[in-house]
Amino acid sequence: MDTSQAFPPQNLNATRQHVNSVAFSPDGRSLASAHSDGIVHIRDAATGESLQEFKEYTGTVQSVAFPPDGRRLASGLHDGMVDVQDAVTGVRLRQLNEHTIWVMTVAFSADGSHLASGSGDGIVRVWDTATGVCIKELRHNIVVLSVAFTPDGHYLASATASNTTLRPRTAIHVWDFAKGSPVTQKKLQYSPYIPYISFSADGSVLSVEYTRGPPVELHFPTWN
């Protein structure tokens, strides 16, 4: 995304329903939003004008993500489906349906060749975007809330939270993508808020941002 662009603030009151996820296109000109009423909106980030509206979903849309070329949009759905559509025409390109329950997070690799999805079923699935085939399953024993690739594609990080509502705890897992094996894990302090993770441009820092409260920066792979 080109952060040099300065757009005036926009109040995008597209729906009264809860917004679960937002994602800018790589060029920063479009903004996608996922809503609890089953609608995905793509809007012009500068003007707020509606560019696309996907209404065919029957349940909550949990997450959205653009690939590096910005031509598609992946959506994680409450029924366990991952939907991939043409971001310009709205045409559905693929439906990926191996999760058994809601898909909380979706993320593309930096080259766009892979799409990761994390679910309430405790599994991160990695899909080949050219074929739609699931090529890896990274199993956790609790719900997966966020996923992120390192810029070089060598590693995949996932954020999980315990199922208990009394003192849910967040953990960050890092996986060797090629081998599909765990590399390291770090348990974070108690937090009742949902984490979102992302790597810095050089892959050395993993930022953990919560729906409320300050972010946490972890220096990978030392975790300092």
C-alpha atoms as a PDB file:
ATOM      1  CA  MET A   1       0.000   0.000   0.000  1.00  0.00           C
ATOM      2  CA  ASP A   2       1.300   3.479  -0.871  1.00  0.00           C
ATOM      3  CA  THR A   3       1.169   5.341   2.443  1.00  0.00           C
ATOM      4  CA  SER A   4       2.122   8.621   0.736  1.00  0.00           C
ATOM      5  CA  GLN A   5      -1.452   8.994  -0.470  1.00  0.00           C
ATOM      6  CA  ALA A   6      -3.525  11.273   1.740  1.00  0.00           C
ATOM      7  CA  PHE A   7      -7.251  10.619   1.542  1.00  0.00           C
ATOM      8  CA  PRO A   8      -9.818  12.628   3.498  1.00  0.00           C
ATOM      9  CA  PRO A   9     -11.641  10.743   6.269  1.00  0.00           C
ATOM     10  CA  GLN A  10     -14.642   8.745   5.066  1.00  0.00           C
ATOM     11  CA  ASN A  11     -17.616   7.492   7.030  1.00  0.00           C
ATOM     12  CA  LEU A  12     -18.477   4.340   5.109  1.00  0.00           C
ATOM     13  CA  ASN A  13     -21.882   3.588   6.566  1.00  0.00           C
ATOM     14  CA  ALA A  14     -22.561   0.728   4.180  1.00  0.00           C
ATOM     15  CA  THR A  15     -24.469  -1.361   6.692  1.00  0.00           C
ATOM     16  CA  ARG A  16     -25.652  -1.224  10.272  1.00  0.00           C
ATOM     17  CA  GLN A  17     -24.207  -4.676  10.851  1.00  0.00           C
ATOM     18  CA  HIS A  18     -20.962  -5.386  12.674  1.00  0.00           C
ATOM     19  CA  VAL A  19     -17.738  -5.060  10.661  1.00  0.00           C
ATOM     20  CA  ASN A  20     -15.533  -8.098  11.277  1.00  0.00           C
ATOM     21  CA  SER A  21     -12.584  -7.347   9.023  1.00  0.00           C
ATOM     22  CA  VAL A  22     -11.209  -4.716   6.650  1.00  0.00           C
ATOM     23  CA  ALA A  23      -8.403  -4.861   4.089  1.00  0.00           C
ATOM     24  CA  PHE A  24      -6.854  -2.315   1.753  1.00  0.00           C
ATOM     25  CA  SER A  25      -5.852  -3.314  -1.751  1.00  0.00           C
ATOM     26  CA  PRO A  26      -2.063  -3.240  -2.273  1.00  0.00           C
ATOM     27  CA  ASP A  27      -2.249   0.117  -4.085  1.00  0.00           C
ATOM     28  CA  GLY A  28      -4.328   1.593  -1.261  1.00  0.00           C
ATOM     29  CA  ARG A  29      -7.121   2.695  -3.578  1.00  0.00           C
ATOM     30  CA  SER A  30      -9.755   0.150  -2.567  1.00  0.00           C
ATOM     31  CA  LEU A  31     -11.040  -0.933   0.827  1.00  0.00           C
ATOM     32  CA  ALA A  32     -12.844  -4.230   1.409  1.00  0.00           C
ATOM     33  CA  SER A  33     -14.967  -4.872   4.482  1.00  0.00           C
ATOM     34  CA  ALA A  34     -16.548  -8.077   5.831  1.00  0.00           C
ATOM     35  CA  HIS A  35     -19.862  -7.815   7.687  1.00  0.00           C
ATOM     36  CA  SER A  36     -21.910  -9.931  10.035  1.00  0.00           C
ATOM     37  CA  ASP A  37     -24.940  -9.731   7.718  1.00  0.00           C
ATOM     38  CA  GLY A  38     -23.106 -11.800   5.098  1.00  0.00           C
ATOM     39  CA  ILE A  39     -22.147  -8.903   2.841  1.00  0.00           C
ATOM     40  CA  VAL A  40     -18.699  -7.958   1.537  1.00  0.00           C
ATOM     41  CA  HIS A  41     -18.215  -4.400   0.291  1.00  0.00           C
ATOM     42  CA  ILE A  42     -15.377  -3.050  -1.829  1.00  0.00           C
ATOM     43  CA  ARG A  43     -15.238   0.735  -1.868  1.00  0.00           C
ATOM     44  CA  ASP A  44     -13.090   3.470  -3.337  1.00  0.00           C
ATOM     45  CA  ALA A  45     -10.880   4.470  -0.414  1.00  0.00           C
ATOM     46  CA  ALA A  46     -10.716   8.113  -1.529  1.00  0.00           C
ATOM     47  CA  THR A  47     -14.389   8.761  -2.243  1.00  0.00           C
ATOM     48  CA  GLY A  48     -16.250   5.979  -0.432  1.00  0.00           C
ATOM     49  CA  GLU A  49     -17.999   5.046  -3.670  1.00  0.00           C
ATOM     50  CA  SER A  50     -19.176   1.433  -3.845  1.00  0.00           C
ATOM     51  CA  LEU A  51     -17.184  -0.616  -6.371  1.00  0.00           C
ATOM     52  CA  GLN A  52     -18.481  -4.115  -5.575  1.00  0.00           C
ATOM     53  CA  GLU A  53     -20.972  -5.650  -3.189  1.00  0.00           C
ATOM     54  CA  PHE A  54     -21.116  -9.402  -2.648  1.00  0.00           C
ATOM     55  CA  LYS A  55     -24.478 -10.330  -1.110  1.00  0.00           C
ATOM     56  CA  GLU A  56     -24.804 -14.045  -1.719  1.00  0.00           C
ATOM     57  CA  TYR A  57     -23.461 -15.230   1.632  1.00  0.00           C
ATOM     58  CA  THR A  58     -25.996 -16.588   4.114  1.00  0.00           C
ATOM     59  CA  GLY A  59     -23.927 -16.202   7.280  1.00  0.00           C
ATOM     60  CA  THR A  60     -21.300 -13.959   8.810  1.00  0.00           C
ATOM     61  CA  VAL A  61     -18.225 -13.035   6.774  1.00  0.00           C
ATOM     62  CA  GLN A  62     -15.317 -13.186   9.217  1.00  0.00           C
ATOM     63  CA  SER A  63     -12.311 -11.986   7.203  1.00  0.00           C
ATOM     64  CA  VAL A  64     -11.128 -10.550   3.880  1.00  0.00           C
ATOM     65  CA  ALA A  65      -7.740 -10.237   2.151  1.00  0.00           C
ATOM     66  CA  PHE A  66      -6.349  -9.027  -1.163  1.00  0.00           C
ATOM     67  CA  PRO A  67      -3.405 -10.729  -2.924  1.00  0.00           C
ATOM     68  CA  PRO A  68      -0.417  -8.622  -3.999  1.00  0.00           C
ATOM     69  CA  ASP A  69      -1.862  -7.911  -7.460  1.00  0.00           C
ATOM     70  CA  GLY A  70      -5.174  -6.713  -5.969  1.00  0.00           C
ATOM     71  CA  ARG A  71      -7.203  -8.516  -8.619  1.00  0.00           C
ATOM     72  CA  ARG A  72      -8.943 -10.996  -6.319  1.00  0.00           C
ATOM     73  CA  LEU A  73     -10.488 -10.942  -2.891  1.00  0.00           C
ATOM     74  CA  ALA A  74     -10.535 -13.875  -0.479  1.00  0.00           C
ATOM     75  CA  SER A  75     -13.281 -14.073   2.138  1.00  0.00           C
ATOM     76  CA  GLY A  76     -13.435 -16.350   5.185  1.00  0.00           C
ATOM     77  CA  LEU A  77     -17.007 -17.403   5.955  1.00  0.00           C
ATOM     78  CA  HIS A  78     -18.862 -18.549   9.049  1.00  0.00           C
ATOM     79  CA  ASP A  79     -19.778 -21.892   7.455  1.00  0.00           C
ATOM     80  CA  GLY A  80     -16.106 -22.879   6.973  1.00  0.00           C
ATOM     81  CA  MET A  81     -15.874 -21.823   3.338  1.00  0.00           C
ATOM     82  CA  VAL A  82     -13.131 -19.706   1.806  1.00  0.00           C
ATOM     83  CA  ASP A  83     -14.470 -17.795  -1.176  1.00  0.00           C
ATOM     84  CA  VAL A  84     -12.221 -16.217  -3.832  1.00  0.00           C
ATOM     85  CA  GLN A  85     -13.762 -13.682  -6.191  1.00  0.00           C
ATOM     86  CA  ASP A  86     -12.608 -11.348  -8.920  1.00  0.00           C
ATOM     87  CA  ALA A  87     -12.330  -8.001  -7.131  1.00  0.00           C
ATOM     88  CA  VAL A  88     -13.298  -6.046 -10.263  1.00  0.00           C
ATOM     89  CA  THR A  89     -16.094  -8.110 -11.814  1.00  0.00           C
ATOM     90  CA  GLY A  90     -17.340  -9.895  -8.698  1.00  0.00           C
ATOM     91  CA  VAL A  91     -17.190 -13.276 -10.450  1.00  0.00           C
ATOM     92  CA  ARG A  92     -16.539 -16.194  -8.092  1.00  0.00           C
ATOM     93  CA  LEU A  93     -13.266 -17.896  -8.997  1.00  0.00           C
ATOM     94  CA  ARG A  94     -12.994 -20.584  -6.311  1.00  0.00           C
ATOM     95  CA  GLN A  95     -14.737 -22.021  -3.276  1.00  0.00           C
ATOM     96  CA  LEU A  96     -12.408 -23.774  -0.835  1.00  0.00           C
ATOM     97  CA  ASN A  97     -14.432 -25.869   1.568  1.00  0.00           C
ATOM     98  CA  GLU A  98     -12.288 -28.139   3.741  1.00  0.00           C
ATOM     99  CA  HIS A  99     -12.739 -26.277   7.040  1.00  0.00           C
ATOM    100  CA  THR A 100     -15.531 -27.584   9.270  1.00  0.00           C
ATOM    101  CA  ILE A 101     -16.421 -24.334  11.064  1.00  0.00           C
ATOM    102  CA  TRP A 102     -15.956 -20.577  10.746  1.00  0.00           C
ATOM    103  CA  VAL A 103     -12.865 -19.217   8.983  1.00  0.00           C
ATOM    104  CA  MET A 104     -11.512 -16.460  11.204  1.00  0.00           C
ATOM    105  CA  THR A 105      -8.610 -15.287   9.056  1.00  0.00           C
ATOM    106  CA  VAL A 106      -7.240 -15.374   5.500  1.00  0.00           C
ATOM    107  CA  ALA A 107      -3.884 -14.129   4.182  1.00  0.00           C
ATOM    108  CA  PHE A 108      -1.991 -14.343   0.888  1.00  0.00           C
ATOM    109  CA  SER A 109       1.733 -14.943   0.570  1.00  0.00           C
ATOM    110  CA  ALA A 110       3.812 -12.046  -0.762  1.00  0.00           C
ATOM    111  CA  ASP A 111       4.003 -13.561  -4.247  1.00  0.00           C
ATOM    112  CA  GLY A 112       0.304 -14.452  -4.287  1.00  0.00           C
ATOM    113  CA  SER A 113       0.959 -18.130  -4.941  1.00  0.00           C
ATOM    114  CA  HIS A 114      -0.467 -19.322  -1.619  1.00  0.00           C
ATOM    115  CA  LEU A 115      -3.471 -18.492   0.520  1.00  0.00           C
ATOM    116  CA  ALA A 116      -3.603 -19.390   4.210  1.00  0.00           C
ATOM    117  CA  SER A 117      -6.844 -19.742   6.159  1.00  0.00           C
ATOM    118  CA  GLY A 118      -7.244 -20.198   9.903  1.00  0.00           C
ATOM    119  CA  SER A 119     -10.377 -21.573  11.471  1.00  0.00           C
ATOM    120  CA  GLY A 120     -12.280 -22.383  14.612  1.00  0.00           C
ATOM    121  CA  ASP A 121     -11.540 -26.027  13.821  1.00  0.00           C
ATOM    122  CA  GLY A 122      -7.964 -25.389  15.003  1.00  0.00           C
ATOM    123  CA  ILE A 123      -6.378 -25.881  11.578  1.00  0.00           C
ATOM    124  CA  VAL A 124      -4.463 -23.556   9.287  1.00  0.00           C
ATOM    125  CA  ARG A 125      -4.889 -24.687   5.703  1.00  0.00           C
ATOM    126  CA  VAL A 126      -2.587 -23.436   2.953  1.00  0.00           C
ATOM    127  CA  TRP A 127      -3.984 -23.424  -0.571  1.00  0.00           C
ATOM    128  CA  ASP A 128      -2.269 -23.292  -3.941  1.00  0.00           C
ATOM    129  CA  THR A 129      -3.972 -20.274  -5.513  1.00  0.00           C
ATOM    130  CA  ALA A 130      -3.426 -21.552  -9.065  1.00  0.00           C
ATOM    131  CA  THR A 131      -5.157 -24.893  -8.499  1.00  0.00           C
ATOM    132  CA  GLY A 132      -7.282 -24.405  -5.375  1.00  0.00           C
ATOM    133  CA  VAL A 133      -5.689 -27.497  -3.826  1.00  0.00           C
ATOM    134  CA  CYS A 134      -4.954 -27.582  -0.093  1.00  0.00           C
ATOM    135  CA  ILE A 135      -1.236 -28.365   0.089  1.00  0.00           C
ATOM    136  CA  LYS A 136      -0.651 -28.113   3.856  1.00  0.00           C
ATOM    137  CA  GLU A 137      -2.539 -28.515   7.113  1.00  0.00           C
ATOM    138  CA  LEU A 138      -0.993 -26.982  10.228  1.00  0.00           C
ATOM    139  CA  ARG A 139      -2.850 -28.340  13.232  1.00  0.00           C
ATOM    140  CA  HIS A 140      -3.425 -26.447  16.492  1.00  0.00           C
ATOM    141  CA  ASN A 141      -5.515 -27.605  19.402  1.00  0.00           C
ATOM    142  CA  ILE A 142      -7.426 -24.301  19.746  1.00  0.00           C
ATOM    143  CA  VAL A 143      -9.073 -21.703  17.540  1.00  0.00           C
ATOM    144  CA  VAL A 144      -6.840 -19.868  15.040  1.00  0.00           C
ATOM    145  CA  LEU A 145      -7.531 -16.132  14.938  1.00  0.00           C
ATOM    146  CA  SER A 146      -4.902 -14.686  12.594  1.00  0.00           C
ATOM    147  CA  VAL A 147      -2.241 -15.825  10.121  1.00  0.00           C
ATOM    148  CA  ALA A 148       0.629 -14.070   8.334  1.00  0.00           C
ATOM    149  CA  PHE A 149       3.432 -15.051   5.951  1.00  0.00           C
ATOM    150  CA  THR A 150       6.939 -13.668   6.212  1.00  0.00           C
ATOM    151  CA  PRO A 151       7.746 -11.530   3.139  1.00  0.00           C
ATOM    152  CA  ASP A 152      10.166 -14.180   1.832  1.00  0.00           C
ATOM    153  CA  GLY A 153       7.546 -16.917   2.232  1.00  0.00           C
ATOM    154  CA  HIS A 154       9.793 -19.130   4.354  1.00  0.00           C
ATOM    155  CA  TYR A 155       7.663 -18.950   7.482  1.00  0.00           C
ATOM    156  CA  LEU A 156       4.011 -18.720   8.435  1.00  0.00           C
ATOM    157  CA  ALA A 157       2.866 -17.322  11.776  1.00  0.00           C
ATOM    158  CA  SER A 158      -0.457 -18.054  13.448  1.00  0.00           C
ATOM    159  CA  ALA A 159      -2.165 -16.541  16.482  1.00  0.00           C
ATOM    160  CA  THR A 160      -4.383 -18.708  18.665  1.00  0.00           C
ATOM    161  CA  ALA A 161      -6.526 -18.145  21.739  1.00  0.00           C
ATOM    162  CA  SER A 162      -7.736 -20.580  24.357  1.00  0.00           C
ATOM    163  CA  ASN A 163     -11.409 -21.478  24.348  1.00  0.00           C
ATOM    164  CA  THR A 164     -12.011 -20.490  27.933  1.00  0.00           C
ATOM    165  CA  THR A 165     -14.002 -17.289  28.411  1.00  0.00           C
ATOM    166  CA  LEU A 166     -12.633 -16.676  31.907  1.00  0.00           C
ATOM    167  CA  ARG A 167      -8.968 -16.034  31.117  1.00  0.00           C
ATOM    168  CA  PRO A 168      -8.324 -16.531  27.412  1.00  0.00           C
ATOM    169  CA  ARG A 169      -4.648 -16.560  26.536  1.00  0.00           C
ATOM    170  CA  THR A 170      -2.988 -15.792  23.233  1.00  0.00           C
ATOM    171  CA  ALA A 171      -0.122 -17.764  21.731  1.00  0.00           C
ATOM    172  CA  ILE A 172       1.944 -17.077  18.628  1.00  0.00           C
ATOM    173  CA  HIS A 173       3.185 -20.032  16.573  1.00  0.00           C
ATOM    174  CA  VAL A 174       5.758 -19.911  13.775  1.00  0.00           C
ATOM    175  CA  TRP A 175       5.928 -22.683  11.190  1.00  0.00           C
ATOM    176  CA  ASP A 176       8.505 -23.635   8.575  1.00  0.00           C
ATOM    177  CA  PHE A 177       6.325 -23.278   5.504  1.00  0.00           C
ATOM    178  CA  ALA A 178       8.218 -25.673   3.220  1.00  0.00           C
ATOM    179  CA  LYS A 179       8.393 -28.434   5.832  1.00  0.00           C
ATOM    180  CA  GLY A 180       5.017 -27.750   7.446  1.00  0.00           C
ATOM    181  CA  SER A 181       6.644 -28.152  10.857  1.00  0.00           C
ATOM    182  CA  PRO A 182       6.588 -25.883  13.943  1.00  0.00           C
ATOM    183  CA  VAL A 183       9.647 -23.731  14.564  1.00  0.00           C
ATOM    184  CA  THR A 184       8.800 -21.890  17.765  1.00  0.00           C
ATOM    185  CA  GLN A 185       5.952 -20.742  19.955  1.00  0.00           C
ATOM    186  CA  LYS A 186       5.465 -17.865  22.373  1.00  0.00           C
ATOM    187  CA  LYS A 187       2.667 -17.555  24.900  1.00  0.00           C
ATOM    188  CA  LEU A 188       1.547 -14.018  25.574  1.00  0.00           C
ATOM    189  CA  GLN A 189      -0.027 -12.536  28.647  1.00  0.00           C
ATOM    190  CA  TYR A 190      -3.736 -12.744  29.285  1.00  0.00           C
ATOM    191  CA  SER A 191      -5.779 -10.624  26.882  1.00  0.00           C
ATOM    192  CA  PRO A 192      -9.529 -10.680  26.280  1.00  0.00           C
ATOM    193  CA  TYR A 193      -9.137  -9.083  22.864  1.00  0.00           C
ATOM    194  CA  ILE A 194      -8.677 -10.677  19.455  1.00  0.00           C
ATOM    195  CA  PRO A 195      -5.150 -10.440  18.050  1.00  0.00           C
ATOM    196  CA  TYR A 196      -4.116  -9.563  14.503  1.00  0.00           C
ATOM    197  CA  ILE A 197      -0.576 -10.374  13.410  1.00  0.00           C
ATOM    198  CA  SER A 198       1.647  -9.059  10.625  1.00  0.00           C
ATOM    199  CA  PHE A 199       5.360  -9.129   9.749  1.00  0.00           C
ATOM    200  CA  SER A 200       7.491  -6.086   9.038  1.00  0.00           C
ATOM    201  CA  ALA A 201       8.769  -5.596   5.483  1.00  0.00           C
ATOM    202  CA  ASP A 202      12.071  -7.330   6.275  1.00  0.00           C
ATOM    203  CA  GLY A 203      10.406 -10.121   8.254  1.00  0.00           C
ATOM    204  CA  SER A 204      12.359  -9.396  11.440  1.00  0.00           C
ATOM    205  CA  VAL A 205       9.479  -8.051  13.544  1.00  0.00           C
ATOM    206  CA  LEU A 206       6.102  -9.650  14.159  1.00  0.00           C
ATOM    207  CA  SER A 207       3.498  -7.145  15.295  1.00  0.00           C
ATOM    208  CA  VAL A 208       0.608  -8.406  17.428  1.00  0.00           C
ATOM    209  CA  GLU A 209      -2.249  -5.921  17.448  1.00  0.00           C
ATOM    210  CA  TYR A 210      -5.346  -6.350  19.556  1.00  0.00           C
ATOM    211  CA  THR A 211      -8.870  -5.079  19.035  1.00  0.00           C
ATOM    212  CA  ARG A 212      -8.168  -2.924  22.092  1.00  0.00           C
ATOM    213  CA  GLY A 213      -4.954  -1.932  23.808  1.00  0.00           C
ATOM    214  CA  PRO A 214      -1.400  -1.315  22.589  1.00  0.00           C
ATOM    215  CA  PRO A 215       0.308  -3.595  20.061  1.00  0.00           C
ATOM    216  CA  VAL A 216       3.125  -5.967  20.987  1.00  0.00           C
ATOM    217  CA  GLU A 217       6.232  -6.216  18.806  1.00  0.00           C
ATOM    218  CA  LEU A 218       8.188  -9.467  18.784  1.00  0.00           C
ATOM    219  CA  HIS A 219      11.623  -9.643  17.158  1.00  0.00           C
ATOM    220  CA  PHE A 220      11.696 -12.881  15.203  1.00  0.00           C
ATOM    221  CA  PRO A 221      13.289 -15.333  15.788  1.00  0.00           C
ATOM    222  CA  THR A 222      14.612 -14.230  19.212  1.00  0.00           C
ATOM    223  CA  TRP A 223      11.186 -13.050  20.547  1.00  0.00           C
ATOM    224  CA  ASN A 224      12.902 -10.185  22.404  1.00  0.00           C
END
